[in-house]
Structure formats: structure tokens, C-alpha cells
Protein backbone atom coordinates (compact mmCIF):
# COMPACT_ATOMS: atom_id res chain seq x y z
CA MET A 1 -23.77 0.47 -18.22
CA LEU A 2 -23.33 -3.23 -19.03
CA SER A 3 -26.66 -4.13 -17.45
CA ALA A 4 -28.36 -1.89 -20.03
CA VAL A 5 -27.15 -4.19 -22.83
CA PRO A 6 -29.64 -7.06 -23.09
CA ALA A 7 -27.12 -9.78 -24.00
CA VAL A 8 -24.81 -8.81 -21.14
CA ALA A 9 -27.67 -8.43 -18.67
CA GLU A 10 -28.89 -11.92 -19.56
CA GLU A 11 -25.43 -13.43 -19.03
CA ILE A 12 -24.81 -11.70 -15.68
CA THR A 13 -28.24 -12.82 -14.50
CA SER A 14 -27.43 -16.43 -15.44
CA PHE A 15 -24.08 -16.18 -13.67
CA HIS A 16 -25.65 -14.69 -10.55
CA THR A 17 -28.28 -17.45 -10.48
CA ALA A 18 -25.59 -20.13 -10.84
CA VAL A 19 -23.53 -18.63 -8.02
CA GLN A 20 -26.55 -18.49 -5.72
CA SER A 21 -27.40 -22.09 -6.56
CA TYR A 22 -23.88 -23.31 -5.81
CA TYR A 23 -23.01 -21.34 -2.68
CA PRO A 24 -22.91 -21.84 0.28
CA GLN A 25 -23.43 -25.63 0.05
CA GLN A 26 -20.84 -26.28 -2.69
CA ASP A 27 -22.16 -29.81 -2.87
CA CYS A 28 -22.24 -30.54 -6.59
CA VAL A 29 -19.50 -30.55 -9.21
CA GLU A 30 -22.05 -29.87 -11.96
CA LYS A 31 -23.15 -26.67 -10.21
CA ALA A 32 -19.52 -25.58 -9.83
CA LEU A 33 -18.94 -26.14 -13.53
CA GLN A 34 -22.10 -24.16 -14.32
CA VAL A 35 -20.74 -21.23 -12.30
CA ILE A 36 -17.53 -21.32 -14.33
CA HIS A 37 -19.41 -21.67 -17.63
CA ASP A 38 -21.81 -18.83 -16.89
CA GLY A 39 -19.00 -16.62 -15.60
CA MET A 40 -17.03 -17.11 -18.80
CA ALA A 41 -20.15 -16.42 -20.90
CA PHE A 42 -20.68 -13.16 -19.03
CA LEU A 43 -17.06 -12.10 -19.52
CA ASP A 44 -17.31 -12.91 -23.22
CA ALA A 45 -20.52 -10.88 -23.59
CA ALA A 46 -18.98 -7.95 -21.70
CA LYS A 47 -15.88 -8.09 -23.91
CA ARG A 48 -17.98 -8.12 -27.10
CA CYS A 49 -19.98 -5.14 -25.79
CA TRP A 50 -16.83 -3.21 -24.91
CA GLU A 51 -15.26 -3.93 -28.29
CA SER A 52 -18.39 -2.74 -30.10
CA ILE A 53 -18.27 0.68 -28.41
CA ARG A 54 -14.53 1.27 -28.77
């Protein structure tokens, strides 16, 4: 359901890309921070989507 919402789909795609870029090497602090940033952005978008349909 969430992937059908463009804003949420965009955020989860960014998060997935960041995770793939960081793992398995885990060699760069900036990439680790990007994973955290993109993960939080996805959670925020999912929360906004959920609140809008409640």
C-alpha cells in the first residue's frame, strides 16, 4: 500500500539505494549517515501517509 503513494515510494527507494551503497563494505561514515537520514525520511513519509488516511 505505501509503495502506491508517490512520496513514500520515493523515500523508500532512496533508503534502499543508500543501504545498498553502504553495505556490505561499511567503509564510509558519510554513507552510514545517509542511510540513517534516508531511513528517517521514509519513516516520516510513511507516518504522514498513515495519518492522512486515519
